[in-house]
C-alpha atoms as a PDB file:
ATOM      1  CA  MET A   1     112.307 102.392  62.736  1.00  0.00           C
ATOM      2  CA  ALA A   2     109.351 103.365  64.556  1.00  0.00           C
ATOM      3  CA  ARG A   3     108.435 100.144  65.887  1.00  0.00           C
ATOM      4  CA  ALA A   4     112.115  99.473  66.726  1.00  0.00           C
ATOM      5  CA  ALA A   5     112.156 102.698  68.998  1.00  0.00           C
ATOM      6  CA  LYS A   6     108.527 101.550  70.438  1.00  0.00           C
ATOM      7  CA  SER A   7     110.099  98.007  71.124  1.00  0.00           C
ATOM      8  CA  LYS A   8     113.505  99.666  72.787  1.00  0.00           C
ATOM      9  CA  ALA A   9     111.222 102.015  74.828  1.00  0.00           C
ATOM     10  CA  ALA A  10     109.073  99.044  76.163  1.00  0.00           C
ATOM     11  CA  ALA A  11     112.357  97.188  77.264  1.00  0.00           C
ATOM     12  CA  VAL A  12     113.518  99.903  79.135  1.00  0.00           C
ATOM     13  CA  THR A  13     110.157 100.197  80.860  1.00  0.00           C
ATOM     14  CA  SER A  14     110.153  96.577  81.459  1.00  0.00           C
ATOM     15  CA  ARG A  15     113.578  96.592  82.903  1.00  0.00           C
ATOM     16  CA  ARG A  16     113.065  99.404  85.116  1.00  0.00           C
ATOM     17  CA  ASP A  17     109.709  97.738  86.599  1.00  0.00           C
ATOM     18  CA  GLU A  18     112.058  94.572  87.436  1.00  0.00           C
ATOM     19  CA  ILE A  19     114.718  96.584  89.155  1.00  0.00           C
ATOM     20  CA  ILE A  20     111.967  98.320  91.213  1.00  0.00           C
ATOM     21  CA  GLU A  21     110.426  95.011  92.259  1.00  0.00           C
ATOM     22  CA  VAL A  22     113.680  93.710  93.335  1.00  0.00           C
ATOM     23  CA  ALA A  23     114.722  97.061  94.958  1.00  0.00           C
ATOM     24  CA  ALA A  24     111.400  96.846  97.122  1.00  0.00           C
ATOM     25  CA  GLN A  25     112.609  93.289  98.588  1.00  0.00           C
ATOM     26  CA  VAL A  26     116.104  94.635  99.062  1.00  0.00           C
ATOM     27  CA  ILE A  27     115.117  97.905 100.657  1.00  0.00           C
ATOM     28  CA  ALA A  28     112.533  96.318 103.025  1.00  0.00           C
ATOM     29  CA  GLU A  29     114.816  93.914 104.144  1.00  0.00           C
ATOM     30  CA  ARG A  30     117.994  96.270 104.558  1.00  0.00           C
ATOM     31  CA  GLY A  31     116.312  99.635 104.866  1.00  0.00           C
ATOM     32  CA  ILE A  32     116.809 102.824 102.857  1.00  0.00           C
ATOM     33  CA  LYS A  33     120.086 103.521 104.277  1.00  0.00           C
ATOM     34  CA  GLY A  34     121.486 100.081 104.677  1.00  0.00           C
ATOM     35  CA  ALA A  35     120.708  99.130 101.022  1.00  0.00           C
ATOM     36  CA  THR A  36     123.220 100.297  98.619  1.00  0.00           C
ATOM     37  CA  VAL A  37     122.777 100.792  94.653  1.00  0.00           C
ATOM     38  CA  ARG A  38     125.315  97.826  94.658  1.00  0.00           C
ATOM     39  CA  ASP A  39     122.883  95.756  96.527  1.00  0.00           C
ATOM     40  CA  ILE A  40     119.998  96.514  94.448  1.00  0.00           C
ATOM     41  CA  GLY A  41     122.075  95.757  91.113  1.00  0.00           C
ATOM     42  CA  GLN A  42     123.495  92.582  92.422  1.00  0.00           C
ATOM     43  CA  ALA A  43     119.957  91.437  93.188  1.00  0.00           C
ATOM     44  CA  ALA A  44     118.786  92.702  89.716  1.00  0.00           C
ATOM     45  CA  GLY A  45     121.518  90.761  88.222  1.00  0.00           C
ATOM     46  CA  ILE A  46     123.292  93.978  86.558  1.00  0.00           C
ATOM     47  CA  LEU A  47     126.356  96.229  87.380  1.00  0.00           C
ATOM     48  CA  SER A  48     125.589  99.139  89.776  1.00  0.00           C
ATOM     49  CA  GLY A  49     127.000 101.469  87.107  1.00  0.00           C
ATOM     50  CA  SER A  50     124.409 100.103  84.558  1.00  0.00           C
ATOM     51  CA  LEU A  51     121.755 100.734  87.144  1.00  0.00           C
ATOM     52  CA  TYR A  52     122.362 104.223  86.754  1.00  0.00           C
ATOM     53  CA  TYR A  53     121.153 103.859  83.153  1.00  0.00           C
ATOM     54  CA  HIS A  54     117.657 103.507  84.450  1.00  0.00           C
ATOM     55  CA  PHE A  55     117.694 105.786  87.581  1.00  0.00           C
ATOM     56  CA  ASP A  56     119.594 108.797  88.608  1.00  0.00           C
ATOM     57  CA  SER A  57     120.123 107.801  92.411  1.00  0.00           C
ATOM     58  CA  LYS A  58     118.773 105.435  95.122  1.00  0.00           C
ATOM     59  CA  GLU A  59     116.237 108.120  96.200  1.00  0.00           C
ATOM     60  CA  GLN A  60     114.707 108.083  92.796  1.00  0.00           C
ATOM     61  CA  ILE A  61     114.354 104.169  92.868  1.00  0.00           C
ATOM     62  CA  VAL A  62     112.465 104.761  96.212  1.00  0.00           C
ATOM     63  CA  LEU A  63     110.291 107.406  95.037  1.00  0.00           C
ATOM     64  CA  GLU A  64     109.230 105.504  91.961  1.00  0.00           C
ATOM     65  CA  LEU A  65     108.733 102.623  94.360  1.00  0.00           C
ATOM     66  CA  LEU A  66     106.597 104.151  96.949  1.00  0.00           C
ATOM     67  CA  LEU A  67     104.841 106.994  95.276  1.00  0.00           C
ATOM     68  CA  PRO A  68     102.563 105.680  92.429  1.00  0.00           C
ATOM     69  CA  SER A  69     100.740 103.129  95.153  1.00  0.00           C
ATOM     70  CA  ILE A  70     100.422 105.835  97.996  1.00  0.00           C
ATOM     71  CA  GLU A  71      99.322 108.588  95.654  1.00  0.00           C
ATOM     72  CA  GLU A  72      96.550 106.056  94.486  1.00  0.00           C
ATOM     73  CA  GLN A  73      95.655 105.064  97.685  1.00  0.00           C
ATOM     74  CA  TYR A  74      95.494 108.668  99.234  1.00  0.00           C
ATOM     75  CA  GLU A  75      93.032 109.558  96.391  1.00  0.00           C
ATOM     76  CA  ARG A  76      91.161 106.392  97.141  1.00  0.00           C
ATOM     77  CA  SER A  77      90.876 107.339 100.757  1.00  0.00           C
ATOM     78  CA  LEU A  78      89.493 110.747 100.218  1.00  0.00           C
ATOM     79  CA  ALA A  79      86.883 109.289  98.020  1.00  0.00           C
ATOM     80  CA  ILE A  80      85.976 106.868 100.756  1.00  0.00           C
ATOM     81  CA  ARG A  81      85.642 109.636 103.399  1.00  0.00           C
ATOM     82  CA  ALA A  82      83.663 111.862 101.077  1.00  0.00           C
ATOM     83  CA  GLN A  83      81.337 109.005 100.056  1.00  0.00           C
ATOM     84  CA  ALA A  84      81.011 107.293 103.342  1.00  0.00           C
ATOM     85  CA  VAL A  85      77.321 107.585 105.381  1.00  0.00           C
ATOM     86  CA  SER A  86      79.187 107.668 108.799  1.00  0.00           C
ATOM     87  CA  PRO A  87      82.571 107.863 110.338  1.00  0.00           C
ATOM     88  CA  THR A  88      82.303 104.158 111.364  1.00  0.00           C
ATOM     89  CA  ALA A  89      81.603 103.323 107.807  1.00  0.00           C
ATOM     90  CA  ALA A  90      84.689 105.529 106.560  1.00  0.00           C
ATOM     91  CA  LEU A  91      86.835 104.058 108.926  1.00  0.00           C
ATOM     92  CA  THR A  92      85.780 100.526 108.260  1.00  0.00           C
ATOM     93  CA  GLU A  93      86.369 101.036 104.490  1.00  0.00           C
ATOM     94  CA  LEU A  94      89.751 102.515 105.168  1.00  0.00           C
ATOM     95  CA  ILE A  95      91.039  99.975 106.952  1.00  0.00           C
ATOM     96  CA  ARG A  96      89.845  97.256 104.466  1.00  0.00           C
ATOM     97  CA  THR A  97      91.264  99.116 101.521  1.00  0.00           C
ATOM     98  CA  SER A  98      94.621  99.805 103.290  1.00  0.00           C
ATOM     99  CA  VAL A  99      94.878  95.852 104.214  1.00  0.00           C
ATOM    100  CA  HIS A 100      94.235  94.685 100.533  1.00  0.00           C
ATOM    101  CA  GLU A 101      96.830  97.682  99.215  1.00  0.00           C
ATOM    102  CA  THR A 102      99.254  96.032 101.712  1.00  0.00           C
ATOM    103  CA  ALA A 103      98.448  92.471 100.527  1.00  0.00           C
ATOM    104  CA  LYS A 104      99.472  93.681  96.950  1.00  0.00           C
ATOM    105  CA  HIS A 105     102.396  95.493  98.043  1.00  0.00           C
ATOM    106  CA  PRO A 106     103.706  93.942 101.308  1.00  0.00           C
ATOM    107  CA  ASN A 107     107.328  95.415 100.789  1.00  0.00           C
ATOM    108  CA  GLN A 108     106.286  98.810 100.053  1.00  0.00           C
ATOM    109  CA  ALA A 109     104.139  98.678 103.138  1.00  0.00           C
ATOM    110  CA  VAL A 110     107.170  97.406 105.234  1.00  0.00           C
ATOM    111  CA  ILE A 111     109.439 100.359 104.109  1.00  0.00           C
ATOM    112  CA  LEU A 112     106.353 102.915 104.729  1.00  0.00           C
ATOM    113  CA  ARG A 113     106.266 101.492 108.215  1.00  0.00           C
ATOM    114  CA  ASN A 114     109.904 101.272 109.169  1.00  0.00           C
ATOM    115  CA  GLU A 115     111.436 104.484 107.444  1.00  0.00           C
ATOM    116  CA  ALA A 116     109.301 107.204 108.536  1.00  0.00           C
ATOM    117  CA  ARG A 117     112.260 109.231 109.813  1.00  0.00           C
ATOM    118  CA  THR A 118     114.390 108.777 106.663  1.00  0.00           C
ATOM    119  CA  PHE A 119     111.507 110.191 104.807  1.00  0.00           C
ATOM    120  CA  ARG A 120     111.474 113.174 107.052  1.00  0.00           C
ATOM    121  CA  ASP A 121     115.370 113.538 106.816  1.00  0.00           C
ATOM    122  CA  VAL A 122     116.248 113.041 103.335  1.00  0.00           C
ATOM    123  CA  GLU A 123     115.114 116.223 101.205  1.00  0.00           C
ATOM    124  CA  ALA A 124     114.728 113.866  98.009  1.00  0.00           C
ATOM    125  CA  LEU A 125     112.037 111.864  99.921  1.00  0.00           C
ATOM    126  CA  ALA A 126     109.973 114.580 101.015  1.00  0.00           C
ATOM    127  CA  PRO A 127     107.120 113.712  99.012  1.00  0.00           C
ATOM    128  CA  VAL A 128     106.791 110.279 100.421  1.00  0.00           C
ATOM    129  CA  ALA A 129     106.787 112.208 103.790  1.00  0.00           C
ATOM    130  CA  GLU A 130     104.277 114.499 102.825  1.00  0.00           C
ATOM    131  CA  LEU A 131     101.849 112.102 101.571  1.00  0.00           C
ATOM    132  CA  ARG A 132     102.367 109.725 104.567  1.00  0.00           C
ATOM    133  CA  ALA A 133     101.622 112.693 106.847  1.00  0.00           C
ATOM    134  CA  LYS A 134      98.412 113.749 104.859  1.00  0.00           C
ATOM    135  CA  THR A 135      96.991 110.242 105.193  1.00  0.00           C
ATOM    136  CA  VAL A 136      97.772 110.155 108.931  1.00  0.00           C
ATOM    137  CA  ALA A 137      95.847 113.484 109.052  1.00  0.00           C
ATOM    138  CA  LEU A 138      92.947 112.183 106.962  1.00  0.00           C
ATOM    139  CA  TYR A 139      92.341 109.171 109.678  1.00  0.00           C
ATOM    140  CA  VAL A 140      92.423 111.977 112.220  1.00  0.00           C
ATOM    141  CA  GLU A 141      89.933 113.771 110.693  1.00  0.00           C
ATOM    142  CA  VAL A 142      87.591 110.635 110.665  1.00  0.00           C
ATOM    143  CA  VAL A 143      88.218 109.552 113.989  1.00  0.00           C
ATOM    144  CA  ASN A 144      87.496 113.034 115.300  1.00  0.00           C
ATOM    145  CA  ALA A 145      84.262 113.276 113.355  1.00  0.00           C
ATOM    146  CA  GLY A 146      83.208 109.835 114.937  1.00  0.00           C
ATOM    147  CA  ARG A 147      83.955 111.365 118.435  1.00  0.00           C
ATOM    148  CA  LYS A 148      81.940 114.401 117.788  1.00  0.00           C
ATOM    149  CA  SER A 149      78.921 112.308 116.299  1.00  0.00           C
ATOM    150  CA  GLY A 150      78.995 110.298 119.388  1.00  0.00           C
ATOM    151  CA  GLU A 151      80.103 107.182 117.430  1.00  0.00           C
ATOM    152  CA  PHE A 152      83.666 106.970 118.837  1.00  0.00           C
ATOM    153  CA  ARG A 153      84.495 107.390 122.297  1.00  0.00           C
ATOM    154  CA  SER A 154      85.208 111.008 123.681  1.00  0.00           C
ATOM    155  CA  ASP A 155      88.072 109.905 125.959  1.00  0.00           C
ATOM    156  CA  ILE A 156      90.612 108.538 123.510  1.00  0.00           C
ATOM    157  CA  ASP A 157      93.737 110.189 122.553  1.00  0.00           C
ATOM    158  CA  VAL A 158      93.356 110.518 118.684  1.00  0.00           C
ATOM    159  CA  ASP A 159      96.895 110.914 117.793  1.00  0.00           C
ATOM    160  CA  ILE A 160      98.189 107.810 119.802  1.00  0.00           C
ATOM    161  CA  VAL A 161      95.301 105.740 118.256  1.00  0.00           C
ATOM    162  CA  VAL A 162      95.519 106.830 114.814  1.00  0.00           C
ATOM    163  CA  ARG A 163      99.435 106.297 114.911  1.00  0.00           C
ATOM    164  CA  ALA A 164      98.961 103.141 116.529  1.00  0.00           C
ATOM    165  CA  MET A 165      96.363 102.232 113.838  1.00  0.00           C
ATOM    166  CA  PHE A 166      98.432 103.332 110.898  1.00  0.00           C
ATOM    167  CA  ASP A 167     101.436 101.359 112.208  1.00  0.00           C
ATOM    168  CA  GLY A 168      99.332  98.026 112.632  1.00  0.00           C
ATOM    169  CA  LEU A 169      97.818  98.471 109.160  1.00  0.00           C
ATOM    170  CA  LEU A 170     101.346  98.606 107.654  1.00  0.00           C
ATOM    171  CA  GLY A 171     102.554  95.650 109.935  1.00  0.00           C
ATOM    172  CA  ALA A 172      99.880  93.727 108.381  1.00  0.00           C
ATOM    173  CA  ALA A 173     102.504  93.020 105.820  1.00  0.00           C
ATOM    174  CA  ARG A 174     103.607  90.113 107.922  1.00  0.00           C
ATOM    175  CA  TRP A 175     100.724  88.027 106.965  1.00  0.00           C
ATOM    176  CA  PHE A 176     100.824  88.278 103.486  1.00  0.00           C
ATOM    177  CA  THR A 177     104.464  86.813 103.475  1.00  0.00           C
ATOM    178  CA  GLY A 178     106.348  83.769 104.606  1.00  0.00           C
ATOM    179  CA  PRO A 179     104.526  80.402 105.949  1.00  0.00           C
ATOM    180  CA  ARG A 180     101.699  81.771 107.970  1.00  0.00           C
ATOM    181  CA  ARG A 181      99.757  83.602 105.350  1.00  0.00           C
ATOM    182  CA  ARG A 182      96.341  85.047 105.631  1.00  0.00           C
ATOM    183  CA  LYS A 183      93.686  86.249 103.124  1.00  0.00           C
ATOM    184  CA  PRO A 184      93.411  89.890 102.911  1.00  0.00           C
ATOM    185  CA  GLU A 185      89.516  89.468 104.202  1.00  0.00           C
ATOM    186  CA  GLN A 186      90.551  87.682 107.339  1.00  0.00           C
ATOM    187  CA  VAL A 187      93.078  90.384 108.083  1.00  0.00           C
ATOM    188  CA  ALA A 188      90.742  92.990 107.288  1.00  0.00           C
ATOM    189  CA  ALA A 189      87.994  91.726 109.349  1.00  0.00           C
ATOM    190  CA  ALA A 190      90.387  91.171 112.375  1.00  0.00           C
ATOM    191  CA  LEU A 191      91.909  94.675 112.215  1.00  0.00           C
ATOM    192  CA  VAL A 192      88.103  96.295 111.652  1.00  0.00           C
ATOM    193  CA  ASP A 193      86.958  94.432 114.885  1.00  0.00           C
ATOM    194  CA  LEU A 194      90.283  95.360 116.737  1.00  0.00           C
ATOM    195  CA  TYR A 195      90.318  99.164 115.918  1.00  0.00           C
ATOM    196  CA  VAL A 196      86.697 100.166 114.899  1.00  0.00           C
ATOM    197  CA  HIS A 197      84.667  98.372 117.675  1.00  0.00           C
ATOM    198  CA  SER A 198      87.214  99.261 120.256  1.00  0.00           C
ATOM    199  CA  LEU A 199      86.450 102.917 119.506  1.00  0.00           C
ATOM    200  CA  GLN A 200      82.684 102.581 119.962  1.00  0.00           C
ATOM    201  CA  PRO A 201      81.538 103.481 123.348  1.00  0.00           C
END
């Protein structure tokens, strides 16, 4: 009986994971507000009513889709900043890590890039907005540290630079889908050259 219960729980977890994977593509294409529970259910091959067996709401799907990866990425970013020997090394590794994460989860990156206002406006999605803001703040700290040490130019508008950088890193998702795919190493090298080297005096 216990084995049967475990098997059922595993099946439910597997189905939830399948739905989340399908939802990532649907929401990336249509947006959080544009994608309906019915759209996600149809894409997953189940009735929208049955989808509520697995999730309480569309917002819960979005949270489970995004939070695990961005929480992990934020913790990794904190470790990178703490361990790096210089702001240049920190920013370089932050960019490389972000690109590899985007390559693994391109649909999530598209959603994070396109839905910043929705995260702020929808109370249930506040945890995503908060983590997104904390990540941006971390990049600001690294760039400011580089300005203070003289590694980065002092004449830059840090807020504009970091937000453009963040937007570009999430936008790298385009290189990991479709016919013009690139390897993460190629994209990371190009973006390090674009963002890090252009900040140096």
